Amino acid sequence: EEDSTNSFICLLKKMKELRLMEKVVEETEEAFTERMEALAEHWRDLHARRARLKAHVVTSGTTVKENERLRTQALKKAKEEKVENSKKESELLGARRELESLRKQHQKLSKKLLKYSLFKRYLEEVVENSQFRDIDDVITYYKALVRTRKDLLQSQWWHRQLLEQGKVLQQQIRAEKEAEMLQCKNDLAQLQESLEQAQSDIHQWEDRWAKAQDRAARKAMELKSLNMAIHSLFQ
């Protein structure tokens, strides 16, 4: 009975807690419904304002786009003109530098021409007093001599290189042959020692073989004597 009473009291407490929870849930749902209605009203207001703003943008968009297009074209043209001007200034500066370089080169050549005019007169006299037809023939012959001398020097250099390589190779071959001869001498000395040792062993084994033959002969004579004695005893 006490257990039933306690259970009933617990049940009443749970039912009370359940009613309180249902009340809280109901109040929460009402608050949530009011909040959702307020949010829906706010969203409808935002959509209306957005529609008005979109209409305003559509009406004024054409003018803005046209102004933006003209502004973009003007900026692009100004940028292209700036790049072209910079390119022309760079080309002009390069041309001025090249002209200055050509002027300096012309001055150097003029000085060299004045300096070498003496050699020109000398070559003209050489042509007059030789079998050459003009100065170009003299220069061509001189270049041929220079090439021949260069080829000769190159040939001599190669010849010296070959001689040096031949000497080094000869020394290497001589050292290898001397090493081989020394090795052969060592091998021959070892073989000679081995031969002498073998001959000494042969003499020892020959002596042993002779002694063994003597012992075998004596044993054979003793055996023969024993056989004869046994035969006599048997008779």
C-alpha atoms as a PDB file:
ATOM      1  CA  GLU A   1       0.000   0.000   0.000  1.00  0.00           C
ATOM      2  CA  GLU A   2       2.856   2.400   0.816  1.00  0.00           C
ATOM      3  CA  ASP A   3       4.507   1.587  -2.523  1.00  0.00           C
ATOM      4  CA  SER A   4       1.228   2.301  -4.328  1.00  0.00           C
ATOM      5  CA  THR A   5       0.899   5.650  -2.530  1.00  0.00           C
ATOM      6  CA  ASN A   6       4.463   6.669  -3.413  1.00  0.00           C
ATOM      7  CA  SER A   7       3.888   5.675  -7.015  1.00  0.00           C
ATOM      8  CA  PHE A   8       0.699   7.692  -7.173  1.00  0.00           C
ATOM      9  CA  ILE A   9       2.448  10.739  -5.682  1.00  0.00           C
ATOM     10  CA  CYS A  10       5.297  10.382  -8.250  1.00  0.00           C
ATOM     11  CA  LEU A  11       2.703  10.106 -11.009  1.00  0.00           C
ATOM     12  CA  LEU A  12       0.996  13.318  -9.846  1.00  0.00           C
ATOM     13  CA  LYS A  13       4.391  15.082  -9.815  1.00  0.00           C
ATOM     14  CA  LYS A  14       5.191  13.903 -13.331  1.00  0.00           C
ATOM     15  CA  MET A  15       1.748  14.973 -14.585  1.00  0.00           C
ATOM     16  CA  LYS A  16       2.288  18.388 -13.008  1.00  0.00           C
ATOM     17  CA  GLU A  17       5.711  18.688 -14.636  1.00  0.00           C
ATOM     18  CA  LEU A  18       4.181  17.592 -17.951  1.00  0.00           C
ATOM     19  CA  ARG A  19       1.488  20.305 -17.760  1.00  0.00           C
ATOM     20  CA  LEU A  20       4.163  22.883 -16.949  1.00  0.00           C
ATOM     21  CA  MET A  21       6.266  21.718 -19.913  1.00  0.00           C
ATOM     22  CA  GLU A  22       3.232  21.824 -22.219  1.00  0.00           C
ATOM     23  CA  LYS A  23       2.511  25.362 -21.046  1.00  0.00           C
ATOM     24  CA  VAL A  24       6.111  26.403 -21.661  1.00  0.00           C
ATOM     25  CA  VAL A  25       6.055  24.762 -25.112  1.00  0.00           C
ATOM     26  CA  GLU A  26       2.769  26.516 -25.945  1.00  0.00           C
ATOM     27  CA  GLU A  27       4.151  29.895 -24.862  1.00  0.00           C
ATOM     28  CA  THR A  28       7.305  29.222 -26.871  1.00  0.00           C
ATOM     29  CA  GLU A  29       5.296  28.319 -29.979  1.00  0.00           C
ATOM     30  CA  GLU A  30       3.224  31.501 -29.625  1.00  0.00           C
ATOM     31  CA  ALA A  31       6.371  33.594 -29.288  1.00  0.00           C
ATOM     32  CA  PHE A  32       7.927  31.794 -32.266  1.00  0.00           C
ATOM     33  CA  THR A  33       4.758  32.367 -34.338  1.00  0.00           C
ATOM     34  CA  GLU A  34       4.777  36.076 -33.483  1.00  0.00           C
ATOM     35  CA  ARG A  35       8.478  36.267 -34.343  1.00  0.00           C
ATOM     36  CA  MET A  36       7.928  34.523 -37.688  1.00  0.00           C
ATOM     37  CA  GLU A  37       5.053  36.890 -38.533  1.00  0.00           C
ATOM     38  CA  ALA A  38       7.251  39.878 -37.713  1.00  0.00           C
ATOM     39  CA  LEU A  39      10.064  38.435 -39.877  1.00  0.00           C
ATOM     40  CA  ALA A  40       7.628  37.807 -42.729  1.00  0.00           C
ATOM     41  CA  GLU A  41       6.435  41.400 -42.524  1.00  0.00           C
ATOM     42  CA  HIS A  42      10.023  42.578 -42.509  1.00  0.00           C
ATOM     43  CA  TRP A  43      10.833  40.423 -45.582  1.00  0.00           C
ATOM     44  CA  ARG A  44       7.777  41.775 -47.444  1.00  0.00           C
ATOM     45  CA  ASP A  45       8.946  45.315 -46.652  1.00  0.00           C
ATOM     46  CA  LEU A  46      12.460  44.470 -47.880  1.00  0.00           C
ATOM     47  CA  HIS A  47      11.139  42.926 -51.132  1.00  0.00           C
ATOM     48  CA  ALA A  48       9.035  46.046 -51.783  1.00  0.00           C
ATOM     49  CA  ARG A  49      12.016  48.345 -51.198  1.00  0.00           C
ATOM     50  CA  ARG A  50      14.198  46.111 -53.376  1.00  0.00           C
ATOM     51  CA  ALA A  51      11.630  46.248 -56.205  1.00  0.00           C
ATOM     52  CA  ARG A  52      11.513  50.051 -56.006  1.00  0.00           C
ATOM     53  CA  LEU A  53      15.308  50.263 -55.989  1.00  0.00           C
ATOM     54  CA  LYS A  54      15.567  47.868 -58.951  1.00  0.00           C
ATOM     55  CA  ALA A  55      13.094  49.952 -60.933  1.00  0.00           C
ATOM     56  CA  HIS A  56      15.096  53.085 -60.163  1.00  0.00           C
ATOM     57  CA  VAL A  57      18.324  51.378 -61.243  1.00  0.00           C
ATOM     58  CA  VAL A  58      16.718  50.175 -64.483  1.00  0.00           C
ATOM     59  CA  THR A  59      15.535  53.691 -65.334  1.00  0.00           C
ATOM     60  CA  SER A  60      18.900  55.305 -64.626  1.00  0.00           C
ATOM     61  CA  GLY A  61      21.112  52.380 -65.733  1.00  0.00           C
ATOM     62  CA  THR A  62      21.288  53.371 -69.412  1.00  0.00           C
ATOM     63  CA  THR A  63      22.758  56.809 -68.690  1.00  0.00           C
ATOM     64  CA  VAL A  64      25.221  55.425 -66.167  1.00  0.00           C
ATOM     65  CA  LYS A  65      26.373  52.668 -68.534  1.00  0.00           C
ATOM     66  CA  GLU A  66      26.831  55.116 -71.397  1.00  0.00           C
ATOM     67  CA  ASN A  67      28.828  57.486 -69.202  1.00  0.00           C
ATOM     68  CA  GLU A  68      30.914  54.577 -67.916  1.00  0.00           C
ATOM     69  CA  ARG A  69      31.535  53.343 -71.483  1.00  0.00           C
ATOM     70  CA  LEU A  70      32.652  56.799 -72.638  1.00  0.00           C
ATOM     71  CA  ARG A  71      34.853  57.153 -69.560  1.00  0.00           C
ATOM     72  CA  THR A  72      36.400  53.703 -70.186  1.00  0.00           C
ATOM     73  CA  GLN A  73      37.074  54.525 -73.829  1.00  0.00           C
ATOM     74  CA  ALA A  74      38.664  57.838 -72.893  1.00  0.00           C
ATOM     75  CA  LEU A  75      40.894  56.171 -70.295  1.00  0.00           C
ATOM     76  CA  LYS A  76      41.855  53.413 -72.735  1.00  0.00           C
ATOM     77  CA  LYS A  77      42.714  55.945 -75.453  1.00  0.00           C
ATOM     78  CA  ALA A  78      44.726  58.050 -73.024  1.00  0.00           C
ATOM     79  CA  LYS A  79      46.587  54.946 -71.859  1.00  0.00           C
ATOM     80  CA  GLU A  80      47.324  53.884 -75.452  1.00  0.00           C
ATOM     81  CA  GLU A  81      48.544  57.389 -76.318  1.00  0.00           C
ATOM     82  CA  LYS A  82      50.740  57.376 -73.220  1.00  0.00           C
ATOM     83  CA  VAL A  83      52.233  54.005 -74.152  1.00  0.00           C
ATOM     84  CA  GLU A  84      52.783  55.136 -77.750  1.00  0.00           C
ATOM     85  CA  ASN A  85      54.438  58.379 -76.614  1.00  0.00           C
ATOM     86  CA  SER A  86      56.658  56.454 -74.218  1.00  0.00           C
ATOM     87  CA  LYS A  87      57.591  54.057 -77.009  1.00  0.00           C
ATOM     88  CA  LYS A  88      58.394  56.930 -79.385  1.00  0.00           C
ATOM     89  CA  GLU A  89      60.473  58.680 -76.713  1.00  0.00           C
ATOM     90  CA  SER A  90      62.369  55.434 -76.077  1.00  0.00           C
ATOM     91  CA  GLU A  91      62.976  54.975 -79.812  1.00  0.00           C
ATOM     92  CA  LEU A  92      64.100  58.596 -80.112  1.00  0.00           C
ATOM     93  CA  LEU A  93      66.468  58.186 -77.170  1.00  0.00           C
ATOM     94  CA  GLY A  94      67.866  54.992 -78.724  1.00  0.00           C
ATOM     95  CA  ALA A  95      68.332  56.734 -82.070  1.00  0.00           C
ATOM     96  CA  ARG A  96      70.162  59.598 -80.351  1.00  0.00           C
ATOM     97  CA  ARG A  97      72.449  57.138 -78.557  1.00  0.00           C
ATOM     98  CA  GLU A  98      73.105  55.262 -81.783  1.00  0.00           C
ATOM     99  CA  LEU A  99      73.856  58.523 -83.585  1.00  0.00           C
ATOM    100  CA  GLU A 100      76.272  59.546 -80.826  1.00  0.00           C
ATOM    101  CA  SER A 101      77.948  56.135 -81.012  1.00  0.00           C
ATOM    102  CA  LEU A 102      78.264  56.454 -84.807  1.00  0.00           C
ATOM    103  CA  ARG A 103      79.790  59.900 -84.415  1.00  0.00           C
ATOM    104  CA  LYS A 104      82.363  58.585 -81.937  1.00  0.00           C
ATOM    105  CA  GLN A 105      83.120  55.662 -84.229  1.00  0.00           C
ATOM    106  CA  HIS A 106      83.514  58.034 -87.171  1.00  0.00           C
ATOM    107  CA  GLN A 107      85.956  60.127 -85.184  1.00  0.00           C
ATOM    108  CA  LYS A 108      87.984  57.035 -84.246  1.00  0.00           C
ATOM    109  CA  LEU A 109      88.045  55.861 -87.854  1.00  0.00           C
ATOM    110  CA  SER A 110      89.104  59.308 -89.034  1.00  0.00           C
ATOM    111  CA  LYS A 111      91.986  59.295 -86.556  1.00  0.00           C
ATOM    112  CA  LYS A 112      93.001  55.781 -87.613  1.00  0.00           C
ATOM    113  CA  LEU A 113      92.780  56.765 -91.276  1.00  0.00           C
ATOM    114  CA  LEU A 114      95.053  59.732 -90.639  1.00  0.00           C
ATOM    115  CA  LYS A 115      97.390  57.513 -88.618  1.00  0.00           C
ATOM    116  CA  TYR A 116      97.573  54.764 -91.252  1.00  0.00           C
ATOM    117  CA  SER A 117      97.887  57.039 -94.269  1.00  0.00           C
ATOM    118  CA  LEU A 118     101.664  56.569 -94.064  1.00  0.00           C
ATOM    119  CA  PHE A 119     101.246  52.791 -94.445  1.00  0.00           C
ATOM    120  CA  LYS A 120      98.971  53.349 -97.420  1.00  0.00           C
ATOM    121  CA  ARG A 121     101.681  55.299 -99.205  1.00  0.00           C
ATOM    122  CA  TYR A 122     104.180  52.616 -98.282  1.00  0.00           C
ATOM    123  CA  LEU A 123     101.920  49.887 -99.759  1.00  0.00           C
ATOM    124  CA  GLU A 124     101.452  51.932-102.924  1.00  0.00           C
ATOM    125  CA  GLU A 125     105.228  52.079-103.328  1.00  0.00           C
ATOM    126  CA  VAL A 126     105.416  48.311-102.739  1.00  0.00           C
ATOM    127  CA  VAL A 127     102.849  47.749-105.510  1.00  0.00           C
ATOM    128  CA  GLU A 128     104.805  50.002-107.874  1.00  0.00           C
ATOM    129  CA  ASN A 129     108.058  48.142-107.233  1.00  0.00           C
ATOM    130  CA  SER A 130     106.720  44.545-107.207  1.00  0.00           C
ATOM    131  CA  GLN A 131     104.601  42.092-109.189  1.00  0.00           C
ATOM    132  CA  PHE A 132     101.422  42.886-107.203  1.00  0.00           C
ATOM    133  CA  ARG A 133      98.629  44.588-109.115  1.00  0.00           C
ATOM    134  CA  ASP A 134      97.189  46.597-106.237  1.00  0.00           C
ATOM    135  CA  ILE A 135      97.093  46.895-102.445  1.00  0.00           C
ATOM    136  CA  ASP A 136      94.381  44.227-102.150  1.00  0.00           C
ATOM    137  CA  ASP A 137      96.779  41.687-103.690  1.00  0.00           C
ATOM    138  CA  VAL A 138      99.403  42.643-101.098  1.00  0.00           C
ATOM    139  CA  ILE A 139      96.881  42.257 -98.267  1.00  0.00           C
ATOM    140  CA  THR A 140      95.640  38.927 -99.664  1.00  0.00           C
ATOM    141  CA  TYR A 141      99.197  37.607 -99.927  1.00  0.00           C
ATOM    142  CA  TYR A 142      99.935  38.799 -96.384  1.00  0.00           C
ATOM    143  CA  LYS A 143      96.793  37.039 -95.039  1.00  0.00           C
ATOM    144  CA  ALA A 144      97.827  33.859 -96.846  1.00  0.00           C
ATOM    145  CA  LEU A 145     101.265  34.066 -95.211  1.00  0.00           C
ATOM    146  CA  VAL A 146      99.668  34.606 -91.803  1.00  0.00           C
ATOM    147  CA  ARG A 147      97.398  31.577 -92.296  1.00  0.00           C
ATOM    148  CA  THR A 148     100.355  29.474 -93.432  1.00  0.00           C
ATOM    149  CA  ARG A 149     102.386  30.541 -90.408  1.00  0.00           C
ATOM    150  CA  LYS A 150      99.447  29.794 -88.126  1.00  0.00           C
ATOM    151  CA  ASP A 151      99.019  26.349 -89.706  1.00  0.00           C
ATOM    152  CA  LEU A 152     102.743  25.694 -89.361  1.00  0.00           C
ATOM    153  CA  LEU A 153     102.749  26.704 -85.702  1.00  0.00           C
ATOM    154  CA  GLN A 154      99.680  24.534 -85.109  1.00  0.00           C
ATOM    155  CA  SER A 155     101.380  21.610 -86.864  1.00  0.00           C
ATOM    156  CA  GLN A 156     104.531  22.083 -84.775  1.00  0.00           C
ATOM    157  CA  TRP A 157     102.438  22.248 -81.617  1.00  0.00           C
ATOM    158  CA  TRP A 158     100.655  19.016 -82.533  1.00  0.00           C
ATOM    159  CA  HIS A 159     104.015  17.418 -83.342  1.00  0.00           C
ATOM    160  CA  ARG A 160     105.366  18.373 -79.903  1.00  0.00           C
ATOM    161  CA  GLN A 161     102.201  17.056 -78.291  1.00  0.00           C
ATOM    162  CA  LEU A 162     102.558  13.755 -80.128  1.00  0.00           C
ATOM    163  CA  LEU A 163     106.229  13.495 -79.154  1.00  0.00           C
ATOM    164  CA  GLU A 164     105.431  14.165 -75.506  1.00  0.00           C
ATOM    165  CA  GLN A 165     102.594  11.641 -75.578  1.00  0.00           C
ATOM    166  CA  GLY A 166     104.939   9.118 -77.261  1.00  0.00           C
ATOM    167  CA  LYS A 167     107.552   9.658 -74.562  1.00  0.00           C
ATOM    168  CA  VAL A 168     105.004   9.217 -71.805  1.00  0.00           C
ATOM    169  CA  LEU A 169     103.630   6.101 -73.497  1.00  0.00           C
ATOM    170  CA  GLN A 170     107.159   4.725 -73.972  1.00  0.00           C
ATOM    171  CA  GLN A 171     107.937   5.299 -70.312  1.00  0.00           C
ATOM    172  CA  GLN A 172     104.720   3.588 -69.298  1.00  0.00           C
ATOM    173  CA  ILE A 173     105.436   0.606 -71.557  1.00  0.00           C
ATOM    174  CA  ARG A 174     109.041   0.406 -70.268  1.00  0.00           C
ATOM    175  CA  ALA A 175     107.842   0.495 -66.663  1.00  0.00           C
ATOM    176  CA  GLU A 176     105.237  -2.184 -67.396  1.00  0.00           C
ATOM    177  CA  LYS A 177     107.815  -4.406 -69.138  1.00  0.00           C
ATOM    178  CA  GLU A 178     110.327  -3.962 -66.318  1.00  0.00           C
ATOM    179  CA  ALA A 179     107.625  -4.881 -63.818  1.00  0.00           C
ATOM    180  CA  GLU A 180     106.725  -7.936 -65.918  1.00  0.00           C
ATOM    181  CA  MET A 181     110.414  -8.974 -66.179  1.00  0.00           C
ATOM    182  CA  LEU A 182     110.851  -8.569 -62.422  1.00  0.00           C
ATOM    183  CA  GLN A 183     107.755 -10.668 -61.844  1.00  0.00           C
ATOM    184  CA  CYS A 184     109.044 -13.305 -64.274  1.00  0.00           C
ATOM    185  CA  LYS A 185     112.396 -13.385 -62.451  1.00  0.00           C
ATOM    186  CA  ASN A 186     110.632 -13.814 -59.126  1.00  0.00           C
ATOM    187  CA  ASP A 187     108.451 -16.549 -60.580  1.00  0.00           C
ATOM    188  CA  LEU A 188     111.546 -18.265 -62.082  1.00  0.00           C
ATOM    189  CA  ALA A 189     113.355 -18.106 -58.737  1.00  0.00           C
ATOM    190  CA  GLN A 190     110.334 -19.638 -57.001  1.00  0.00           C
ATOM    191  CA  LEU A 191     110.123 -22.351 -59.660  1.00  0.00           C
ATOM    192  CA  GLN A 192     113.872 -23.074 -59.261  1.00  0.00           C
ATOM    193  CA  GLU A 193     113.434 -23.431 -55.507  1.00  0.00           C
ATOM    194  CA  SER A 194     110.435 -25.690 -56.064  1.00  0.00           C
ATOM    195  CA  LEU A 195     112.474 -27.793 -58.552  1.00  0.00           C
ATOM    196  CA  GLU A 196     115.369 -28.158 -56.125  1.00  0.00           C
ATOM    197  CA  GLN A 197     112.967 -29.115 -53.348  1.00  0.00           C
ATOM    198  CA  ALA A 198     111.291 -31.625 -55.670  1.00  0.00           C
ATOM    199  CA  GLN A 199     114.679 -33.133 -56.662  1.00  0.00           C
ATOM    200  CA  SER A 200     115.631 -33.412 -52.992  1.00  0.00           C
ATOM    201  CA  ASP A 201     112.306 -35.101 -52.249  1.00  0.00           C
ATOM    202  CA  ILE A 202     112.851 -37.461 -55.196  1.00  0.00           C
ATOM    203  CA  HIS A 203     116.271 -38.503 -53.844  1.00  0.00           C
ATOM    204  CA  GLN A 204     114.779 -39.131 -50.419  1.00  0.00           C
ATOM    205  CA  TRP A 205     111.918 -41.166 -51.850  1.00  0.00           C
ATOM    206  CA  GLU A 206     114.341 -43.102 -54.087  1.00  0.00           C
ATOM    207  CA  ASP A 207     116.423 -44.005 -50.999  1.00  0.00           C
ATOM    208  CA  ARG A 208     113.279 -44.993 -49.159  1.00  0.00           C
ATOM    209  CA  TRP A 209     112.132 -47.042 -52.157  1.00  0.00           C
ATOM    210  CA  ALA A 210     115.509 -48.847 -52.350  1.00  0.00           C
ATOM    211  CA  LYS A 211     115.379 -49.621 -48.624  1.00  0.00           C
ATOM    212  CA  ALA A 212     111.795 -50.803 -48.995  1.00  0.00           C
ATOM    213  CA  GLN A 213     112.827 -53.060 -51.902  1.00  0.00           C
ATOM    214  CA  ASP A 214     115.707 -54.478 -49.805  1.00  0.00           C
ATOM    215  CA  ARG A 215     113.366 -55.164 -46.902  1.00  0.00           C
ATOM    216  CA  ALA A 216     110.879 -56.722 -49.291  1.00  0.00           C
ATOM    217  CA  ALA A 217     113.624 -58.932 -50.783  1.00  0.00           C
ATOM    218  CA  ARG A 218     114.752 -60.030 -47.307  1.00  0.00           C
ATOM    219  CA  LYS A 219     111.200 -60.706 -46.295  1.00  0.00           C
ATOM    220  CA  ALA A 220     110.699 -62.701 -49.494  1.00  0.00           C
ATOM    221  CA  MET A 221     113.872 -64.751 -48.759  1.00  0.00           C
ATOM    222  CA  GLU A 222     112.734 -65.307 -45.166  1.00  0.00           C
ATOM    223  CA  LEU A 223     109.310 -66.322 -46.377  1.00  0.00           C
ATOM    224  CA  LYS A 224     110.816 -68.665 -48.909  1.00  0.00           C
ATOM    225  CA  SER A 225     113.052 -70.188 -46.212  1.00  0.00           C
ATOM    226  CA  LEU A 226     110.042 -70.589 -43.924  1.00  0.00           C
ATOM    227  CA  ASN A 227     108.106 -72.266 -46.717  1.00  0.00           C
ATOM    228  CA  MET A 228     110.985 -74.645 -47.348  1.00  0.00           C
ATOM    229  CA  ALA A 229     111.320 -75.365 -43.609  1.00  0.00           C
ATOM    230  CA  ILE A 230     107.620 -75.982 -43.256  1.00  0.00           C
ATOM    231  CA  HIS A 231     107.676 -78.217 -46.322  1.00  0.00           C
ATOM    232  CA  SER A 232     110.646 -80.157 -44.844  1.00  0.00           C
ATOM    233  CA  LEU A 233     108.872 -80.499 -41.511  1.00  0.00           C
ATOM    234  CA  PHE A 234     105.772 -81.629 -43.280  1.00  0.00           C
ATOM    235  CA  GLN A 235     107.745 -84.236 -45.202  1.00  0.00           C
END
